[in-house]
Amino acid sequence: MKRFLFFLYLLVDISIVIAQTTNYYTATRTFEVDGCTYQCDVPSYGMVYIYKKDNPFRDIPMLYKGTTEVYGTPENEDIPVIERSSYKSNAPKYKAIIRELFNKHHGKLESDDSLIITLFLDSQIGKVREVEFSFHRDESFGLIPIEDFIWVEQELKEKIQITPTSEGKKLNYIFFWWEQHP
């Protein structure tokens, strides 16, 4: 009986260790969660991109509405598209949401790893419409399950609104990103 209990303890202990070191994002795959489809792309150069599969803004440049003129060319790249004061007042909020994710996974994450968070904002009102996460395949963020990234997406959509400038309102959407370390 003692042997049985010992082996049972070992099995449970090994299962816990394996669960804590599972990298969920080593290859391109699709996740179905609560009726939504999330895509994880892992190109050959090793970056991981996690986003909602039906994101209408992904891989589409920021354009001036009704034209094919791209924002971000040398002629217009220095024209602000979000209000600086709005950016400054929202920064503590969106960084706190990511810190909460990091705190949940404290002990698993490496402090020199970097998570890139990209927001696709509604150009009229500045609400977050879509979110994308990216990091290198070898970084510790691969240990975070998809459900936790979805939680961050929902929090950002609910709590963040960045005011667009008059120039920003002329665009089909506003691309906004930052990098954050644990």
Protein backbone atom coordinates (compact mmCIF):
# COMPACT_ATOMS: atom_id res chain seq x y z
CA MET A 1 0.00 0.00 0.00
CA LYS A 2 2.88 2.35 0.80
CA ARG A 3 4.39 1.70 -2.61
CA PHE A 4 1.07 2.41 -4.29
CA LEU A 5 0.70 5.71 -2.44
CA PHE A 6 4.30 6.63 -3.22
CA PHE A 7 3.80 5.96 -6.96
CA LEU A 8 0.51 7.83 -6.91
CA TYR A 9 2.25 10.81 -5.28
CA LEU A 10 5.01 10.68 -7.91
CA LEU A 11 2.50 10.54 -10.74
CA VAL A 12 0.59 13.56 -9.42
CA ASP A 13 3.83 15.47 -8.82
CA ILE A 14 5.11 14.76 -12.33
CA SER A 15 1.74 15.77 -13.82
CA ILE A 16 1.90 19.12 -12.02
CA VAL A 17 5.45 19.79 -13.24
CA ILE A 18 4.52 18.92 -16.83
CA ALA A 19 1.42 21.13 -16.68
CA GLN A 20 3.53 24.06 -15.47
CA THR A 21 6.00 23.70 -18.36
CA THR A 22 3.64 23.19 -21.29
CA ASN A 23 4.36 25.59 -24.14
CA TYR A 24 0.98 25.97 -25.84
CA TYR A 25 2.30 27.85 -28.86
CA THR A 26 5.10 25.90 -30.56
CA ALA A 27 3.26 25.52 -33.86
CA THR A 28 0.48 27.21 -35.82
CA ARG A 29 -2.92 26.10 -34.57
CA THR A 30 -6.50 27.19 -33.95
CA PHE A 31 -8.29 27.38 -30.59
CA GLU A 32 -12.07 27.21 -30.18
CA VAL A 33 -13.08 28.95 -26.93
CA ASP A 34 -16.62 29.92 -25.93
CA GLY A 35 -17.85 30.05 -29.52
CA CYS A 36 -14.91 32.17 -30.74
CA THR A 37 -12.04 31.04 -32.92
CA TYR A 38 -8.56 32.21 -31.98
CA GLN A 39 -5.58 31.77 -34.24
CA CYS A 40 -2.00 31.16 -33.17
CA ASP A 41 0.48 31.69 -36.00
CA VAL A 42 4.09 30.61 -35.56
CA PRO A 43 6.05 31.48 -38.72
CA SER A 44 9.49 29.98 -39.36
CA TYR A 45 11.28 32.99 -37.84
CA GLY A 46 9.87 32.01 -34.42
CA MET A 47 7.44 34.75 -33.45
CA VAL A 48 4.04 33.76 -32.00
CA TYR A 49 0.96 35.79 -32.96
CA ILE A 50 -2.30 35.19 -31.08
CA TYR A 51 -5.47 36.91 -32.31
CA LYS A 52 -9.14 36.37 -32.98
CA LYS A 53 -9.37 34.64 -36.35
CA ASP A 54 -12.07 36.97 -37.70
CA ASN A 55 -10.08 40.15 -36.88
CA PRO A 56 -11.00 42.39 -39.85
CA PHE A 57 -8.01 44.71 -39.32
CA ARG A 58 -5.19 42.19 -39.33
CA ASP A 59 -2.86 42.43 -42.34
CA ILE A 60 -4.73 45.50 -43.63
CA PRO A 61 -2.87 48.82 -43.53
CA MET A 62 -4.29 51.92 -41.89
CA LEU A 63 -5.90 53.75 -44.78
CA TYR A 64 -7.63 57.07 -45.13
CA LYS A 65 -11.31 56.21 -45.48
CA GLY A 66 -12.58 56.07 -49.03
CA THR A 67 -9.05 56.09 -50.47
CA THR A 68 -6.08 53.80 -50.99
CA GLU A 69 -3.75 56.29 -49.28
CA VAL A 70 -1.82 54.57 -46.52
CA TYR A 71 -1.16 56.29 -43.20
CA GLY A 72 2.45 55.87 -42.12
CA THR A 73 4.21 57.02 -45.25
CA PRO A 74 6.97 59.65 -44.95
CA GLU A 75 4.44 62.33 -45.91
CA ASN A 76 2.05 61.63 -43.01
CA GLU A 77 3.76 59.40 -40.43
CA ASP A 78 4.40 62.24 -37.97
CA ILE A 79 0.76 63.35 -37.82
CA PRO A 80 -0.66 62.15 -34.47
CA VAL A 81 -3.72 59.91 -34.64
CA ILE A 82 -4.44 59.70 -30.89
CA GLU A 83 -4.69 62.48 -28.31
CA ARG A 84 -1.56 62.55 -26.16
CA SER A 85 -3.51 63.27 -22.95
CA SER A 86 -5.78 60.30 -23.62
CA TYR A 87 -2.78 58.07 -24.22
CA LYS A 88 -1.17 59.23 -20.96
CA SER A 89 -4.34 58.74 -18.90
CA ASN A 90 -4.94 55.23 -20.32
CA ALA A 91 -1.35 53.96 -20.06
CA PRO A 92 -1.56 53.06 -16.34
CA LYS A 93 -4.83 51.18 -16.97
CA TYR A 94 -3.68 49.03 -19.88
CA LYS A 95 -0.30 48.33 -18.28
CA ALA A 96 -2.06 47.27 -15.04
CA ILE A 97 -4.17 44.73 -16.96
CA ILE A 98 -1.01 43.16 -18.38
CA ARG A 99 0.69 43.26 -14.96
CA GLU A 100 -2.25 41.33 -13.57
CA LEU A 101 -1.67 38.65 -16.21
CA PHE A 102 2.02 38.56 -15.30
CA ASN A 103 1.21 38.32 -11.58
CA LYS A 104 -1.09 35.37 -12.21
CA HIS A 105 1.84 33.53 -13.79
CA HIS A 106 4.51 34.76 -11.37
CA GLY A 107 7.36 32.30 -11.16
CA LYS A 108 6.81 31.00 -14.70
CA LEU A 109 7.76 34.15 -16.62
CA GLU A 110 11.27 35.37 -17.37
CA SER A 111 11.82 39.06 -16.58
CA ASP A 112 13.74 39.77 -19.79
CA ASP A 113 11.03 38.34 -22.06
CA SER A 114 8.83 40.86 -23.85
CA LEU A 115 5.16 40.66 -24.72
CA ILE A 116 3.93 42.90 -27.51
CA ILE A 117 0.29 43.92 -27.25
CA THR A 118 -1.36 45.41 -30.33
CA LEU A 119 -4.70 47.18 -30.15
CA PHE A 120 -6.87 47.87 -33.17
CA LEU A 121 -8.95 50.91 -32.22
CA ASP A 122 -12.20 52.19 -33.67
CA SER A 123 -11.08 55.38 -35.41
CA GLN A 124 -14.23 57.31 -34.50
CA ILE A 125 -14.43 56.70 -30.75
CA GLY A 126 -11.14 55.02 -29.82
CA LYS A 127 -12.65 51.84 -28.35
CA VAL A 128 -10.59 48.67 -28.60
CA ARG A 129 -12.07 46.49 -31.35
CA GLU A 130 -9.43 43.75 -31.60
CA VAL A 131 -6.28 42.70 -29.76
CA GLU A 132 -3.21 40.76 -30.86
CA PHE A 133 -0.43 39.34 -28.69
CA SER A 134 3.04 38.51 -29.95
CA PHE A 135 6.21 37.11 -28.46
CA HIS A 136 9.06 34.84 -29.48
CA ARG A 137 8.33 31.12 -29.46
CA ASP A 138 11.18 30.47 -26.98
CA GLU A 139 9.94 33.01 -24.44
CA SER A 140 8.05 32.05 -21.30
CA PHE A 141 4.74 33.56 -22.48
CA GLY A 142 4.15 30.23 -24.22
CA LEU A 143 3.26 28.88 -20.77
CA ILE A 144 0.18 31.12 -20.52
CA PRO A 145 -3.00 29.34 -21.65
CA ILE A 146 -5.19 30.90 -24.34
CA GLU A 147 -7.99 31.55 -21.83
CA ASP A 148 -5.76 34.05 -19.99
CA PHE A 149 -4.97 35.94 -23.19
CA ILE A 150 -8.71 36.04 -23.91
CA TRP A 151 -9.32 37.47 -20.42
CA VAL A 152 -6.79 40.26 -21.17
CA GLU A 153 -8.50 40.94 -24.50
CA GLN A 154 -11.88 41.30 -22.78
CA GLU A 155 -10.45 43.57 -20.07
CA LEU A 156 -8.81 45.84 -22.65
CA LYS A 157 -12.00 46.03 -24.71
CA GLU A 158 -14.04 46.88 -21.62
CA LYS A 159 -11.71 49.36 -19.90
CA ILE A 160 -9.65 51.14 -22.55
CA GLN A 161 -10.76 53.97 -24.79
CA ILE A 162 -8.18 56.26 -26.38
CA THR A 163 -9.40 59.48 -27.98
CA PRO A 164 -8.52 59.79 -31.67
CA THR A 165 -7.36 63.11 -33.14
CA SER A 166 -9.18 64.66 -36.08
CA GLU A 167 -6.54 63.00 -38.30
CA GLY A 168 -7.14 59.65 -36.61
CA LYS A 169 -10.87 59.89 -37.31
CA LYS A 170 -10.09 59.96 -41.04
CA LEU A 171 -8.62 56.42 -40.90
CA ASN A 172 -10.26 53.01 -41.28
CA TYR A 173 -8.84 52.05 -37.83
CA ILE A 174 -5.98 53.05 -35.51
CA PHE A 175 -3.11 50.69 -34.84
CA PHE A 176 -1.64 51.06 -31.34
CA TRP A 177 0.94 48.84 -29.64
CA TRP A 178 3.33 48.62 -26.72
CA GLU A 179 5.84 46.18 -25.30
CA GLN A 180 5.76 45.06 -21.68
CA HIS A 181 8.08 42.90 -19.56
CA PRO A 182 7.15 40.80 -16.51
